[in-house]
Amino acid sequence: MRYITNVIRSFRSKALERLWLTGRSAKIRPDLKSRCLRRLDALNEASTPRDMNIPGFDFHGLRGKPKRYSVHVNGPWCVTFGWDENDAVGVDLEQYH
């Protein structure tokens, strides 16, 4: 069981939230789980979105409003998130082609 701080405030993906809270999720491919957890751990420690600019994460902003950000997981899969004050919000696992 993870001890949660208030940096990750909300999830869009129930499967990703379950992975974060329990370390398991049947709906997330096994080859993505550890990479997702590393990115969620880093996101949970971040003070600003720019803190996610870590080698190998391919951090970048996405177009649109409200502003969202993306970090690469594997292949077309990315963890995306918004930022509100000091917290990550709407954290999701998305597939980009």
N, C-alpha and C. Protein backbone atom coordinates (compact mmCIF):
# COMPACT_ATOMS: atom_id res chain seq x y z
N MET A 1 0.85 -1.18 0.00
CA MET A 1 0.00 0.00 0.00
C MET A 1 0.88 1.23 0.00
N ARG A 2 0.58 2.17 -0.87
CA ARG A 2 1.34 3.41 -0.98
C ARG A 2 0.79 4.46 -0.02
N TYR A 3 1.69 5.28 0.49
CA TYR A 3 1.28 6.43 1.27
C TYR A 3 1.18 7.60 0.32
N ILE A 4 0.02 8.15 0.22
CA ILE A 4 -0.27 9.17 -0.78
C ILE A 4 -0.13 10.56 -0.17
N THR A 5 0.63 11.42 -0.86
CA THR A 5 0.65 12.83 -0.49
C THR A 5 -0.41 13.51 -1.36
N ASN A 6 -0.52 14.79 -1.22
CA ASN A 6 -1.55 15.50 -1.95
C ASN A 6 -1.10 16.00 -3.31
N VAL A 7 -0.03 15.48 -3.88
CA VAL A 7 0.40 15.97 -5.18
C VAL A 7 -0.47 15.39 -6.29
N ILE A 8 -0.71 14.09 -6.30
CA ILE A 8 -1.65 13.54 -7.27
C ILE A 8 -3.04 13.62 -6.63
N ARG A 9 -3.82 14.58 -7.11
CA ARG A 9 -5.13 14.83 -6.51
C ARG A 9 -6.23 13.98 -7.13
N SER A 10 -6.15 13.75 -8.46
CA SER A 10 -7.23 13.01 -9.10
C SER A 10 -6.74 12.26 -10.33
N PHE A 11 -7.47 11.23 -10.68
CA PHE A 11 -7.18 10.40 -11.85
C PHE A 11 -8.38 10.42 -12.79
N ARG A 12 -8.10 10.38 -14.09
CA ARG A 12 -9.15 10.13 -15.09
C ARG A 12 -9.31 8.63 -15.28
N SER A 13 -8.20 7.92 -15.23
CA SER A 13 -8.18 6.47 -15.45
C SER A 13 -8.34 5.72 -14.13
N LYS A 14 -9.43 5.00 -14.00
CA LYS A 14 -9.64 4.18 -12.80
C LYS A 14 -8.60 3.08 -12.70
N ALA A 15 -8.19 2.52 -13.85
CA ALA A 15 -7.18 1.46 -13.86
C ALA A 15 -5.84 1.99 -13.37
N LEU A 16 -5.47 3.19 -13.78
CA LEU A 16 -4.21 3.78 -13.34
C LEU A 16 -4.26 4.14 -11.86
N GLU A 17 -5.41 4.62 -11.42
CA GLU A 17 -5.59 4.92 -9.99
C GLU A 17 -5.45 3.65 -9.16
N ARG A 18 -6.04 2.56 -9.62
CA ARG A 18 -5.93 1.29 -8.91
C ARG A 18 -4.48 0.82 -8.85
N LEU A 19 -3.77 0.96 -9.97
CA LEU A 19 -2.35 0.59 -10.00
C LEU A 19 -1.57 1.43 -8.99
N TRP A 20 -1.85 2.71 -8.94
CA TRP A 20 -1.16 3.61 -8.01
C TRP A 20 -1.44 3.25 -6.55
N LEU A 21 -2.69 2.95 -6.25
CA LEU A 21 -3.07 2.68 -4.87
C LEU A 21 -2.68 1.29 -4.38
N THR A 22 -2.72 0.30 -5.28
CA THR A 22 -2.51 -1.08 -4.85
C THR A 22 -1.28 -1.75 -5.45
N GLY A 23 -0.73 -1.16 -6.52
CA GLY A 23 0.39 -1.79 -7.22
C GLY A 23 -0.06 -2.83 -8.22
N ARG A 24 -1.38 -2.98 -8.38
CA ARG A 24 -1.92 -3.97 -9.32
C ARG A 24 -3.12 -3.39 -10.07
N SER A 25 -3.25 -3.81 -11.32
CA SER A 25 -4.42 -3.45 -12.10
C SER A 25 -4.50 -4.40 -13.28
N ALA A 26 -5.57 -5.15 -13.35
CA ALA A 26 -5.74 -6.12 -14.43
C ALA A 26 -5.93 -5.44 -15.78
N LYS A 27 -6.30 -4.17 -15.79
CA LYS A 27 -6.59 -3.49 -17.04
C LYS A 27 -5.39 -2.79 -17.66
N ILE A 28 -4.25 -2.83 -16.99
CA ILE A 28 -3.03 -2.23 -17.53
C ILE A 28 -2.07 -3.37 -17.88
N ARG A 29 -1.56 -3.32 -19.11
CA ARG A 29 -0.67 -4.38 -19.59
C ARG A 29 0.51 -4.58 -18.64
N PRO A 30 0.89 -5.82 -18.39
CA PRO A 30 2.01 -6.10 -17.47
C PRO A 30 3.30 -5.39 -17.84
N ASP A 31 3.60 -5.24 -19.13
CA ASP A 31 4.85 -4.60 -19.53
C ASP A 31 4.83 -3.09 -19.31
N LEU A 32 3.69 -2.51 -18.98
CA LEU A 32 3.61 -1.07 -18.73
C LEU A 32 3.59 -0.73 -17.24
N LYS A 33 3.28 -1.68 -16.39
CA LYS A 33 3.03 -1.41 -14.98
C LYS A 33 4.20 -0.75 -14.27
N SER A 34 5.39 -1.32 -14.34
CA SER A 34 6.51 -0.75 -13.59
C SER A 34 6.90 0.62 -14.15
N ARG A 35 6.80 0.79 -15.46
CA ARG A 35 7.13 2.09 -16.06
C ARG A 35 6.10 3.14 -15.65
N CYS A 36 4.83 2.76 -15.58
CA CYS A 36 3.79 3.69 -15.12
C CYS A 36 4.04 4.08 -13.67
N LEU A 37 4.35 3.11 -12.84
CA LEU A 37 4.59 3.39 -11.42
C LEU A 37 5.78 4.33 -11.22
N ARG A 38 6.86 4.17 -12.02
CA ARG A 38 8.00 5.08 -11.91
C ARG A 38 7.58 6.51 -12.24
N ARG A 39 6.76 6.66 -13.26
CA ARG A 39 6.30 7.99 -13.64
C ARG A 39 5.34 8.57 -12.60
N LEU A 40 4.48 7.75 -12.04
CA LEU A 40 3.57 8.22 -11.00
C LEU A 40 4.34 8.60 -9.73
N ASP A 41 5.36 7.83 -9.38
CA ASP A 41 6.19 8.19 -8.22
C ASP A 41 6.84 9.55 -8.44
N ALA A 42 7.40 9.77 -9.64
CA ALA A 42 8.03 11.06 -9.94
C ALA A 42 7.00 12.18 -9.92
N LEU A 43 5.82 11.93 -10.47
CA LEU A 43 4.76 12.94 -10.49
C LEU A 43 4.32 13.27 -9.07
N ASN A 44 4.25 12.30 -8.22
CA ASN A 44 3.85 12.51 -6.84
C ASN A 44 4.86 13.36 -6.07
N GLU A 45 6.12 13.34 -6.50
CA GLU A 45 7.17 14.13 -5.85
C GLU A 45 7.35 15.50 -6.49
N ALA A 46 6.74 15.73 -7.65
CA ALA A 46 6.95 16.97 -8.40
C ALA A 46 6.33 18.18 -7.69
N SER A 47 7.02 19.30 -7.80
CA SER A 47 6.50 20.56 -7.29
C SER A 47 5.87 21.40 -8.39
N THR A 48 6.32 21.16 -9.62
CA THR A 48 5.80 21.83 -10.80
C THR A 48 5.78 20.82 -11.94
N PRO A 49 5.03 21.06 -12.99
CA PRO A 49 5.05 20.14 -14.13
C PRO A 49 6.46 19.95 -14.69
N ARG A 50 7.28 21.01 -14.71
CA ARG A 50 8.64 20.94 -15.26
C ARG A 50 9.51 19.93 -14.51
N ASP A 51 9.16 19.59 -13.29
CA ASP A 51 9.92 18.59 -12.54
C ASP A 51 9.85 17.22 -13.20
N MET A 52 8.92 17.06 -14.13
CA MET A 52 8.78 15.79 -14.86
C MET A 52 9.69 15.72 -16.08
N ASN A 53 10.49 16.75 -16.29
CA ASN A 53 11.43 16.78 -17.41
C ASN A 53 12.66 15.95 -17.02
N ILE A 54 12.46 14.64 -16.99
CA ILE A 54 13.45 13.65 -16.56
C ILE A 54 13.91 12.89 -17.80
N PRO A 55 15.22 12.63 -17.94
CA PRO A 55 15.68 11.87 -19.11
C PRO A 55 14.90 10.56 -19.26
N GLY A 56 14.44 10.31 -20.49
CA GLY A 56 13.69 9.11 -20.79
C GLY A 56 12.18 9.26 -20.67
N PHE A 57 11.72 10.34 -20.04
CA PHE A 57 10.29 10.55 -19.86
C PHE A 57 9.67 11.30 -21.04
N ASP A 58 10.47 11.97 -21.86
CA ASP A 58 9.98 12.76 -22.99
C ASP A 58 8.84 13.68 -22.57
N PHE A 59 9.08 14.45 -21.52
CA PHE A 59 8.08 15.40 -21.01
C PHE A 59 7.79 16.47 -22.05
N HIS A 60 6.50 16.78 -22.24
CA HIS A 60 6.13 17.90 -23.10
C HIS A 60 4.69 18.33 -22.81
N GLY A 61 4.44 19.58 -23.12
CA GLY A 61 3.09 20.12 -22.98
C GLY A 61 2.23 19.71 -24.16
N LEU A 62 0.95 19.57 -23.92
CA LEU A 62 0.00 19.24 -24.97
C LEU A 62 -0.78 20.49 -25.36
N ARG A 63 -1.29 20.52 -26.57
CA ARG A 63 -2.12 21.63 -27.01
C ARG A 63 -3.48 21.57 -26.35
N GLY A 64 -4.09 22.73 -26.25
CA GLY A 64 -5.45 22.78 -25.74
C GLY A 64 -5.56 23.42 -24.38
N LYS A 65 -6.79 23.62 -23.98
CA LYS A 65 -7.10 24.19 -22.68
C LYS A 65 -8.13 23.32 -22.02
N PRO A 66 -8.04 23.04 -20.76
CA PRO A 66 -6.95 23.47 -19.89
C PRO A 66 -5.64 22.79 -20.27
N LYS A 67 -4.53 23.39 -19.86
CA LYS A 67 -3.21 22.89 -20.19
C LYS A 67 -2.98 21.52 -19.58
N ARG A 68 -2.47 20.59 -20.42
CA ARG A 68 -2.13 19.24 -19.97
C ARG A 68 -0.72 18.92 -20.41
N TYR A 69 -0.13 17.94 -19.77
CA TYR A 69 1.25 17.54 -20.03
C TYR A 69 1.30 16.04 -20.26
N SER A 70 2.40 15.58 -20.85
CA SER A 70 2.55 14.18 -21.17
C SER A 70 3.97 13.71 -20.85
N VAL A 71 4.07 12.48 -20.36
CA VAL A 71 5.36 11.79 -20.23
C VAL A 71 5.21 10.43 -20.89
N HIS A 72 6.22 10.06 -21.65
CA HIS A 72 6.22 8.81 -22.41
C HIS A 72 6.35 7.61 -21.46
N VAL A 73 5.59 6.55 -21.74
CA VAL A 73 5.71 5.30 -20.97
C VAL A 73 6.40 4.25 -21.81
N ASN A 74 5.77 3.85 -22.91
CA ASN A 74 6.34 2.82 -23.79
C ASN A 74 5.51 2.78 -25.07
N GLY A 75 6.20 2.70 -26.22
CA GLY A 75 5.47 2.69 -27.48
C GLY A 75 4.57 3.91 -27.57
N PRO A 76 3.30 3.73 -27.91
CA PRO A 76 2.39 4.86 -28.03
C PRO A 76 1.77 5.29 -26.70
N TRP A 77 2.12 4.65 -25.61
CA TRP A 77 1.47 4.92 -24.32
C TRP A 77 2.16 6.06 -23.58
N CYS A 78 1.33 6.96 -23.01
CA CYS A 78 1.80 8.11 -22.26
C CYS A 78 0.95 8.30 -21.01
N VAL A 79 1.57 8.79 -19.95
CA VAL A 79 0.82 9.28 -18.79
C VAL A 79 0.61 10.77 -19.03
N THR A 80 -0.64 11.20 -19.00
CA THR A 80 -0.97 12.61 -19.19
C THR A 80 -1.57 13.15 -17.90
N PHE A 81 -1.42 14.47 -17.72
CA PHE A 81 -1.92 15.07 -16.48
C PHE A 81 -2.09 16.57 -16.67
N GLY A 82 -2.95 17.13 -15.86
CA GLY A 82 -3.10 18.57 -15.74
C GLY A 82 -2.43 19.01 -14.45
N TRP A 83 -2.40 20.31 -14.23
CA TRP A 83 -1.77 20.83 -13.01
C TRP A 83 -2.65 21.93 -12.46
N ASP A 84 -2.98 21.85 -11.18
CA ASP A 84 -3.79 22.85 -10.51
C ASP A 84 -3.09 23.25 -9.22
N GLU A 85 -2.62 24.50 -9.18
CA GLU A 85 -1.85 25.02 -8.05
C GLU A 85 -0.63 24.14 -7.81
N ASN A 86 -0.63 23.28 -6.81
CA ASN A 86 0.53 22.44 -6.51
C ASN A 86 0.27 20.95 -6.74
N ASP A 87 -0.81 20.63 -7.42
CA ASP A 87 -1.22 19.24 -7.55
C ASP A 87 -1.40 18.80 -9.00
N ALA A 88 -1.10 17.53 -9.25
CA ALA A 88 -1.41 16.91 -10.53
C ALA A 88 -2.88 16.49 -10.49
N VAL A 89 -3.58 16.75 -11.59
CA VAL A 89 -5.01 16.43 -11.65
C VAL A 89 -5.32 15.71 -12.97
N GLY A 90 -6.36 14.91 -12.95
CA GLY A 90 -6.80 14.24 -14.18
C GLY A 90 -5.73 13.34 -14.78
N VAL A 91 -5.01 12.62 -13.94
CA VAL A 91 -3.92 11.76 -14.41
C VAL A 91 -4.52 10.60 -15.19
N ASP A 92 -3.95 10.34 -16.37
CA ASP A 92 -4.53 9.34 -17.28
C ASP A 92 -3.43 8.57 -17.98
N LEU A 93 -3.76 7.40 -18.47
CA LEU A 93 -2.88 6.60 -19.33
C LEU A 93 -3.54 6.59 -20.69
N GLU A 94 -2.86 7.20 -21.69
CA GLU A 94 -3.44 7.34 -23.02
C GLU A 94 -2.54 6.77 -24.07
N GLN A 95 -3.14 6.33 -25.15
CA GLN A 95 -2.40 5.79 -26.28
C GLN A 95 -2.42 6.81 -27.41
N TYR A 96 -1.22 7.21 -27.83
CA TYR A 96 -1.09 8.14 -28.97
C TYR A 96 -0.50 7.39 -30.14
N HIS A 97 -1.02 7.63 -31.33
CA HIS A 97 -0.54 6.95 -32.53
C HIS A 97 0.52 7.77 -33.21
